Amino acid sequence: MVRNVIGSALALAGAAAAVYSPFRAWYDGRQGSDYRVQDLFGGITGAQTEVVSSIVLPYVFAALVTLFGVMLRSRLLVALAGLVAVGFTVLWMVRQGQATGYLAVGGGLPGLGEGVAVALGGGVLLLLAAVVMRGRAPRVVGFEDPGEDGPQDGAGWYPPERPAGYPPADGPYAWAPELDDTQRLPTSPPPPAYGSGPRRPRPDPYGAGPGQDPFRDEWRGP
């Protein structure tokens, strides 16, 4: 639980940094939102563009994937967002180096701005969050207790071996079809029907009268 909370915080921070980075200077004072998405595949140009068609789009996509990953506690989605952020930043650096012939950081020459560092940092935070997160816990499937008589259909239920000395008995769950007669379970005999048992003597609660046996139900004459 704690790992998921820490990983989610890192993922949200990385996603926020990735979306914020194109609005900072990327190269020679030019903001990342001034570069077209097509420039990442066809080469860097000086053409201006709108925000909706700039390289902001890949980072917004990474942020949306991060949100879904945090809600679903999916390490895979968070790692995918980190790869998108880092991958598009590195791709831009390659295209910018091809266009200018070099890449510099400071030193009085036109070079990389803080926006590139923020974008790379956001992507690294997303990858770190995917490592820290624990992910979703495995789902445990419970089994119902079949009760004393076992499952009603008898599927998948095998009784223990019959104790020595018990005779074979019949019944719906006395034995499994795959077992022989020596492994049958004993079953208790059914209760006797009402009135079929032996007649028990009962004493007279009011005392025996003349000619009456208190341990018999029939009347004995004088």
C-alpha atoms as a PDB file:
ATOM      1  CA  MET A   1       0.000   0.000   0.000  1.00  0.00           C
ATOM      2  CA  VAL A   2       2.764   2.447   0.938  1.00  0.00           C
ATOM      3  CA  ARG A   3       4.704   1.610  -2.206  1.00  0.00           C
ATOM      4  CA  ASN A   4       1.657   2.301  -4.360  1.00  0.00           C
ATOM      5  CA  VAL A   5       1.148   5.684  -2.688  1.00  0.00           C
ATOM      6  CA  ILE A   6       4.783   6.690  -3.163  1.00  0.00           C
ATOM      7  CA  GLY A   7       4.827   5.400  -6.735  1.00  0.00           C
ATOM      8  CA  SER A   8       1.606   7.244  -7.565  1.00  0.00           C
ATOM      9  CA  ALA A   9       3.034  10.505  -6.191  1.00  0.00           C
ATOM     10  CA  LEU A  10       6.194  10.083  -8.262  1.00  0.00           C
ATOM     11  CA  ALA A  11       4.144   9.248 -11.362  1.00  0.00           C
ATOM     12  CA  LEU A  12       1.920  12.308 -11.009  1.00  0.00           C
ATOM     13  CA  ALA A  13       4.954  14.542 -10.445  1.00  0.00           C
ATOM     14  CA  GLY A  14       6.659  13.098 -13.525  1.00  0.00           C
ATOM     15  CA  ALA A  15       3.557  13.556 -15.651  1.00  0.00           C
ATOM     16  CA  ALA A  16       3.193  17.181 -14.516  1.00  0.00           C
ATOM     17  CA  ALA A  17       6.851  17.869 -15.324  1.00  0.00           C
ATOM     18  CA  ALA A  18       6.512  16.291 -18.759  1.00  0.00           C
ATOM     19  CA  VAL A  19       3.493  18.440 -19.665  1.00  0.00           C
ATOM     20  CA  TYR A  20       5.116  21.584 -18.288  1.00  0.00           C
ATOM     21  CA  SER A  21       8.422  21.094 -20.103  1.00  0.00           C
ATOM     22  CA  PRO A  22       7.331  22.183 -23.648  1.00  0.00           C
ATOM     23  CA  PHE A  23       6.437  25.625 -22.305  1.00  0.00           C
ATOM     24  CA  ARG A  24      10.030  26.252 -21.291  1.00  0.00           C
ATOM     25  CA  ALA A  25      13.028  27.028 -23.491  1.00  0.00           C
ATOM     26  CA  TRP A  26      14.315  24.010 -25.371  1.00  0.00           C
ATOM     27  CA  TYR A  27      16.987  25.343 -27.682  1.00  0.00           C
ATOM     28  CA  ASP A  28      18.428  28.835 -28.036  1.00  0.00           C
ATOM     29  CA  GLY A  29      15.468  30.349 -26.208  1.00  0.00           C
ATOM     30  CA  ARG A  30      12.885  28.661 -28.422  1.00  0.00           C
ATOM     31  CA  GLN A  31      10.124  26.948 -26.478  1.00  0.00           C
ATOM     32  CA  GLY A  32       9.216  23.324 -27.066  1.00  0.00           C
ATOM     33  CA  SER A  33       5.656  24.299 -27.969  1.00  0.00           C
ATOM     34  CA  ASP A  34       7.067  26.092 -31.040  1.00  0.00           C
ATOM     35  CA  TYR A  35       8.255  22.820 -32.600  1.00  0.00           C
ATOM     36  CA  ARG A  36       5.842  20.872 -34.756  1.00  0.00           C
ATOM     37  CA  VAL A  37       5.186  17.193 -34.245  1.00  0.00           C
ATOM     38  CA  GLN A  38       6.175  16.659 -37.884  1.00  0.00           C
ATOM     39  CA  ASP A  39       9.636  18.064 -37.095  1.00  0.00           C
ATOM     40  CA  LEU A  40      10.359  15.002 -34.940  1.00  0.00           C
ATOM     41  CA  PHE A  41      10.094  12.777 -38.026  1.00  0.00           C
ATOM     42  CA  GLY A  42      10.967  15.048 -40.951  1.00  0.00           C
ATOM     43  CA  GLY A  43      13.648  17.295 -39.459  1.00  0.00           C
ATOM     44  CA  ILE A  44      13.675  20.484 -37.433  1.00  0.00           C
ATOM     45  CA  THR A  45      12.495  23.609 -39.235  1.00  0.00           C
ATOM     46  CA  GLY A  46      11.955  27.201 -38.208  1.00  0.00           C
ATOM     47  CA  ALA A  47       8.226  27.081 -38.933  1.00  0.00           C
ATOM     48  CA  GLN A  48       5.965  28.170 -36.115  1.00  0.00           C
ATOM     49  CA  THR A  49       2.945  26.140 -35.060  1.00  0.00           C
ATOM     50  CA  GLU A  50       0.034  26.103 -32.654  1.00  0.00           C
ATOM     51  CA  VAL A  51       0.069  24.326 -29.310  1.00  0.00           C
ATOM     52  CA  VAL A  52      -2.454  21.710 -30.466  1.00  0.00           C
ATOM     53  CA  SER A  53      -0.097  20.596 -33.263  1.00  0.00           C
ATOM     54  CA  SER A  54       3.193  20.973 -31.399  1.00  0.00           C
ATOM     55  CA  ILE A  55       5.296  18.444 -29.514  1.00  0.00           C
ATOM     56  CA  VAL A  56       3.097  19.113 -26.489  1.00  0.00           C
ATOM     57  CA  LEU A  57       0.835  16.319 -27.762  1.00  0.00           C
ATOM     58  CA  PRO A  58       3.160  13.384 -26.917  1.00  0.00           C
ATOM     59  CA  TYR A  59       3.610  14.653 -23.370  1.00  0.00           C
ATOM     60  CA  VAL A  60      -0.128  15.170 -22.888  1.00  0.00           C
ATOM     61  CA  PHE A  61      -0.622  11.600 -24.089  1.00  0.00           C
ATOM     62  CA  ALA A  62       1.985  10.411 -21.583  1.00  0.00           C
ATOM     63  CA  ALA A  63       0.180  12.289 -18.811  1.00  0.00           C
ATOM     64  CA  LEU A  64      -3.166  10.668 -19.704  1.00  0.00           C
ATOM     65  CA  VAL A  65      -1.585   7.213 -19.724  1.00  0.00           C
ATOM     66  CA  THR A  66      -0.080   8.006 -16.326  1.00  0.00           C
ATOM     67  CA  LEU A  67      -3.486   8.905 -14.898  1.00  0.00           C
ATOM     68  CA  PHE A  68      -4.962   5.622 -16.088  1.00  0.00           C
ATOM     69  CA  GLY A  69      -1.955   3.764 -14.710  1.00  0.00           C
ATOM     70  CA  VAL A  70      -2.340   5.378 -11.289  1.00  0.00           C
ATOM     71  CA  MET A  71      -6.082   4.696 -11.141  1.00  0.00           C
ATOM     72  CA  LEU A  72      -5.629   1.084 -12.213  1.00  0.00           C
ATOM     73  CA  ARG A  73      -2.407   0.692 -10.224  1.00  0.00           C
ATOM     74  CA  SER A  74      -0.768  -0.585 -13.391  1.00  0.00           C
ATOM     75  CA  ARG A  75       3.008  -0.489 -13.434  1.00  0.00           C
ATOM     76  CA  LEU A  76       2.982  -1.277 -17.159  1.00  0.00           C
ATOM     77  CA  LEU A  77       0.998   1.837 -18.067  1.00  0.00           C
ATOM     78  CA  VAL A  78       3.193   4.078 -15.908  1.00  0.00           C
ATOM     79  CA  ALA A  79       6.329   2.615 -17.474  1.00  0.00           C
ATOM     80  CA  LEU A  80       4.824   3.129 -20.947  1.00  0.00           C
ATOM     81  CA  ALA A  81       4.216   6.797 -20.151  1.00  0.00           C
ATOM     82  CA  GLY A  82       7.817   7.176 -19.015  1.00  0.00           C
ATOM     83  CA  LEU A  83       9.118   5.595 -22.194  1.00  0.00           C
ATOM     84  CA  VAL A  84       6.981   7.955 -24.293  1.00  0.00           C
ATOM     85  CA  ALA A  85       8.289  11.024 -22.460  1.00  0.00           C
ATOM     86  CA  VAL A  86      11.935   9.978 -22.608  1.00  0.00           C
ATOM     87  CA  GLY A  87      11.675   8.621 -26.158  1.00  0.00           C
ATOM     88  CA  PHE A  88      10.200  11.778 -27.703  1.00  0.00           C
ATOM     89  CA  THR A  89      12.710  13.963 -25.861  1.00  0.00           C
ATOM     90  CA  VAL A  90      15.649  11.919 -27.132  1.00  0.00           C
ATOM     91  CA  LEU A  91      14.145  11.893 -30.638  1.00  0.00           C
ATOM     92  CA  TRP A  92      13.916  15.693 -30.581  1.00  0.00           C
ATOM     93  CA  MET A  93      17.530  15.942 -29.430  1.00  0.00           C
ATOM     94  CA  VAL A  94      18.616  13.749 -32.343  1.00  0.00           C
ATOM     95  CA  ARG A  95      16.694  15.875 -34.850  1.00  0.00           C
ATOM     96  CA  GLN A  96      18.000  19.102 -33.352  1.00  0.00           C
ATOM     97  CA  GLY A  97      21.564  17.829 -33.514  1.00  0.00           C
ATOM     98  CA  GLN A  98      21.089  16.884 -37.160  1.00  0.00           C
ATOM     99  CA  ALA A  99      19.714  20.355 -37.932  1.00  0.00           C
ATOM    100  CA  THR A 100      22.454  22.358 -36.204  1.00  0.00           C
ATOM    101  CA  GLY A 101      25.339  19.917 -36.407  1.00  0.00           C
ATOM    102  CA  TYR A 102      25.991  19.982 -32.661  1.00  0.00           C
ATOM    103  CA  LEU A 103      24.289  20.058 -29.272  1.00  0.00           C
ATOM    104  CA  ALA A 104      25.679  22.259 -26.534  1.00  0.00           C
ATOM    105  CA  VAL A 105      24.722  23.103 -22.994  1.00  0.00           C
ATOM    106  CA  GLY A 106      25.856  26.599 -22.001  1.00  0.00           C
ATOM    107  CA  GLY A 107      29.358  27.760 -22.885  1.00  0.00           C
ATOM    108  CA  GLY A 108      28.107  30.865 -24.696  1.00  0.00           C
ATOM    109  CA  LEU A 109      26.829  28.835 -27.633  1.00  0.00           C
ATOM    110  CA  PRO A 110      23.173  28.251 -28.538  1.00  0.00           C
ATOM    111  CA  GLY A 111      22.348  25.117 -26.668  1.00  0.00           C
ATOM    112  CA  LEU A 112      19.772  23.065 -24.870  1.00  0.00           C
ATOM    113  CA  GLY A 113      17.423  24.847 -22.506  1.00  0.00           C
ATOM    114  CA  GLU A 114      15.885  23.888 -19.211  1.00  0.00           C
ATOM    115  CA  GLY A 115      12.777  22.509 -20.901  1.00  0.00           C
ATOM    116  CA  VAL A 116      14.728  19.516 -22.187  1.00  0.00           C
ATOM    117  CA  ALA A 117      16.029  18.777 -18.703  1.00  0.00           C
ATOM    118  CA  VAL A 118      12.516  19.015 -17.269  1.00  0.00           C
ATOM    119  CA  ALA A 119      11.163  16.641 -19.928  1.00  0.00           C
ATOM    120  CA  LEU A 120      13.907  14.092 -19.307  1.00  0.00           C
ATOM    121  CA  GLY A 121      13.442  14.415 -15.555  1.00  0.00           C
ATOM    122  CA  GLY A 122       9.704  13.814 -15.874  1.00  0.00           C
ATOM    123  CA  GLY A 123      10.264  10.693 -17.948  1.00  0.00           C
ATOM    124  CA  VAL A 124      12.800   9.355 -15.453  1.00  0.00           C
ATOM    125  CA  LEU A 125      10.369   9.983 -12.586  1.00  0.00           C
ATOM    126  CA  LEU A 126       7.715   7.986 -14.432  1.00  0.00           C
ATOM    127  CA  LEU A 127      10.084   5.061 -14.921  1.00  0.00           C
ATOM    128  CA  LEU A 128      11.126   5.240 -11.264  1.00  0.00           C
ATOM    129  CA  ALA A 129       7.458   5.288 -10.218  1.00  0.00           C
ATOM    130  CA  ALA A 130       6.842   2.117 -12.216  1.00  0.00           C
ATOM    131  CA  VAL A 131       9.667   0.432 -10.308  1.00  0.00           C
ATOM    132  CA  VAL A 132       8.480   1.652  -6.900  1.00  0.00           C
ATOM    133  CA  MET A 133       4.812   0.789  -7.379  1.00  0.00           C
ATOM    134  CA  ARG A 134       3.728  -2.597  -6.119  1.00  0.00           C
ATOM    135  CA  GLY A 135       0.859  -2.937  -8.552  1.00  0.00           C
ATOM    136  CA  ARG A 136      -2.463  -4.627  -7.994  1.00  0.00           C
ATOM    137  CA  ALA A 137      -2.614  -7.459  -5.493  1.00  0.00           C
ATOM    138  CA  PRO A 138      -3.436 -10.883  -6.940  1.00  0.00           C
ATOM    139  CA  ARG A 139      -7.050 -11.857  -6.620  1.00  0.00           C
ATOM    140  CA  VAL A 140      -7.701 -14.764  -4.261  1.00  0.00           C
ATOM    141  CA  VAL A 141     -10.565 -17.027  -5.248  1.00  0.00           C
ATOM    142  CA  GLY A 142     -12.332 -18.641  -2.319  1.00  0.00           C
ATOM    143  CA  PHE A 143     -13.968 -22.054  -2.252  1.00  0.00           C
ATOM    144  CA  GLU A 144     -17.295 -22.809  -0.649  1.00  0.00           C
ATOM    145  CA  ASP A 145     -17.451 -25.312   2.169  1.00  0.00           C
ATOM    146  CA  PRO A 146     -19.370 -28.335   0.839  1.00  0.00           C
ATOM    147  CA  GLY A 147     -20.570 -29.168   4.347  1.00  0.00           C
ATOM    148  CA  GLU A 148     -20.646 -32.482   6.138  1.00  0.00           C
ATOM    149  CA  ASP A 149     -22.276 -34.375   3.285  1.00  0.00           C
ATOM    150  CA  GLY A 150     -19.860 -33.077   0.634  1.00  0.00           C
ATOM    151  CA  PRO A 151     -20.919 -31.453  -2.635  1.00  0.00           C
ATOM    152  CA  GLN A 152     -24.422 -32.215  -3.790  1.00  0.00           C
ATOM    153  CA  ASP A 153     -23.326 -33.401  -7.210  1.00  0.00           C
ATOM    154  CA  GLY A 154     -20.384 -35.445  -5.922  1.00  0.00           C
ATOM    155  CA  ALA A 155     -17.993 -33.913  -8.478  1.00  0.00           C
ATOM    156  CA  GLY A 156     -14.424 -33.727  -7.342  1.00  0.00           C
ATOM    157  CA  TRP A 157     -15.144 -35.173  -3.882  1.00  0.00           C
ATOM    158  CA  TYR A 158     -13.358 -38.303  -2.704  1.00  0.00           C
ATOM    159  CA  PRO A 159     -14.167 -39.778   0.708  1.00  0.00           C
ATOM    160  CA  PRO A 160     -11.416 -41.126   2.969  1.00  0.00           C
ATOM    161  CA  GLU A 161     -10.735 -44.792   3.305  1.00  0.00           C
ATOM    162  CA  ARG A 162     -13.274 -46.873   5.194  1.00  0.00           C
ATOM    163  CA  PRO A 163     -12.105 -47.661   8.732  1.00  0.00           C
ATOM    164  CA  ALA A 164     -11.431 -51.293   9.460  1.00  0.00           C
ATOM    165  CA  GLY A 165     -14.379 -53.207  10.823  1.00  0.00           C
ATOM    166  CA  TYR A 166     -17.126 -51.251   9.141  1.00  0.00           C
ATOM    167  CA  PRO A 167     -19.341 -53.159   6.754  1.00  0.00           C
ATOM    168  CA  PRO A 168     -20.118 -51.792   3.303  1.00  0.00           C
ATOM    169  CA  ALA A 169     -22.967 -49.319   3.308  1.00  0.00           C
ATOM    170  CA  ASP A 170     -25.109 -47.778   0.624  1.00  0.00           C
ATOM    171  CA  GLY A 171     -25.902 -44.128   0.255  1.00  0.00           C
ATOM    172  CA  PRO A 172     -25.585 -41.213  -2.139  1.00  0.00           C
ATOM    173  CA  TYR A 173     -22.148 -40.280  -0.772  1.00  0.00           C
ATOM    174  CA  ALA A 174     -21.012 -43.574   0.704  1.00  0.00           C
ATOM    175  CA  TRP A 175     -18.285 -44.016  -1.895  1.00  0.00           C
ATOM    176  CA  ALA A 176     -16.930 -42.546  -5.080  1.00  0.00           C
ATOM    177  CA  PRO A 177     -17.506 -44.403  -8.349  1.00  0.00           C
ATOM    178  CA  GLU A 178     -13.763 -44.725  -8.871  1.00  0.00           C
ATOM    179  CA  LEU A 179     -13.217 -46.548  -5.534  1.00  0.00           C
ATOM    180  CA  ASP A 180     -13.821 -50.209  -4.827  1.00  0.00           C
ATOM    181  CA  ASP A 181     -16.005 -51.711  -2.110  1.00  0.00           C
ATOM    182  CA  THR A 182     -13.180 -51.770   0.426  1.00  0.00           C
ATOM    183  CA  GLN A 183     -13.083 -47.974   0.473  1.00  0.00           C
ATOM    184  CA  ARG A 184     -16.734 -47.329   1.102  1.00  0.00           C
ATOM    185  CA  LEU A 185     -17.734 -45.068   3.942  1.00  0.00           C
ATOM    186  CA  PRO A 186     -20.132 -46.213   6.621  1.00  0.00           C
ATOM    187  CA  THR A 187     -23.456 -44.457   6.768  1.00  0.00           C
ATOM    188  CA  SER A 188     -25.717 -44.280   9.769  1.00  0.00           C
ATOM    189  CA  PRO A 189     -28.896 -46.369   9.472  1.00  0.00           C
ATOM    190  CA  PRO A 190     -32.093 -44.428   8.797  1.00  0.00           C
ATOM    191  CA  PRO A 191     -34.244 -43.651  11.814  1.00  0.00           C
ATOM    192  CA  PRO A 192     -37.101 -46.096  12.387  1.00  0.00           C
ATOM    193  CA  ALA A 193     -40.539 -45.115  11.231  1.00  0.00           C
ATOM    194  CA  TYR A 194     -42.976 -43.833  13.822  1.00  0.00           C
ATOM    195  CA  GLY A 195     -44.719 -46.668  15.596  1.00  0.00           C
ATOM    196  CA  SER A 196     -42.502 -49.392  14.181  1.00  0.00           C
ATOM    197  CA  GLY A 197     -40.209 -49.735  17.194  1.00  0.00           C
ATOM    198  CA  PRO A 198     -40.720 -51.977  20.235  1.00  0.00           C
ATOM    199  CA  ARG A 199     -43.397 -50.933  22.696  1.00  0.00           C
ATOM    200  CA  ARG A 200     -41.910 -49.457  25.817  1.00  0.00           C
ATOM    201  CA  PRO A 201     -43.622 -49.810  29.195  1.00  0.00           C
ATOM    202  CA  ARG A 202     -44.564 -46.583  30.822  1.00  0.00           C
ATOM    203  CA  PRO A 203     -45.640 -46.097  34.399  1.00  0.00           C
ATOM    204  CA  ASP A 204     -48.945 -44.574  35.426  1.00  0.00           C
ATOM    205  CA  PRO A 205     -48.242 -40.970  36.447  1.00  0.00           C
ATOM    206  CA  TYR A 206     -51.247 -40.987  38.795  1.00  0.00           C
ATOM    207  CA  GLY A 207     -50.370 -44.223  40.479  1.00  0.00           C
ATOM    208  CA  ALA A 208     -51.549 -47.767  39.760  1.00  0.00           C
ATOM    209  CA  GLY A 209     -55.153 -48.555  40.546  1.00  0.00           C
ATOM    210  CA  PRO A 210     -56.530 -51.870  41.634  1.00  0.00           C
ATOM    211  CA  GLY A 211     -55.923 -54.496  39.031  1.00  0.00           C
ATOM    212  CA  GLN A 212     -53.692 -52.243  36.912  1.00  0.00           C
ATOM    213  CA  ASP A 213     -50.073 -52.928  36.174  1.00  0.00           C
ATOM    214  CA  PRO A 214     -48.183 -49.595  36.125  1.00  0.00           C
ATOM    215  CA  PHE A 215     -45.706 -50.975  33.560  1.00  0.00           C
ATOM    216  CA  ARG A 216     -48.282 -52.051  30.982  1.00  0.00           C
ATOM    217  CA  ASP A 217     -50.667 -50.050  28.875  1.00  0.00           C
ATOM    218  CA  GLU A 218     -53.509 -52.575  28.757  1.00  0.00           C
ATOM    219  CA  TRP A 219     -56.056 -52.867  31.522  1.00  0.00           C
ATOM    220  CA  ARG A 220     -56.061 -55.959  33.607  1.00  0.00           C
ATOM    221  CA  GLY A 221     -59.420 -56.855  34.980  1.00  0.00           C
ATOM    222  CA  PRO A 222     -60.026 -58.088  38.567  1.00  0.00           C
END
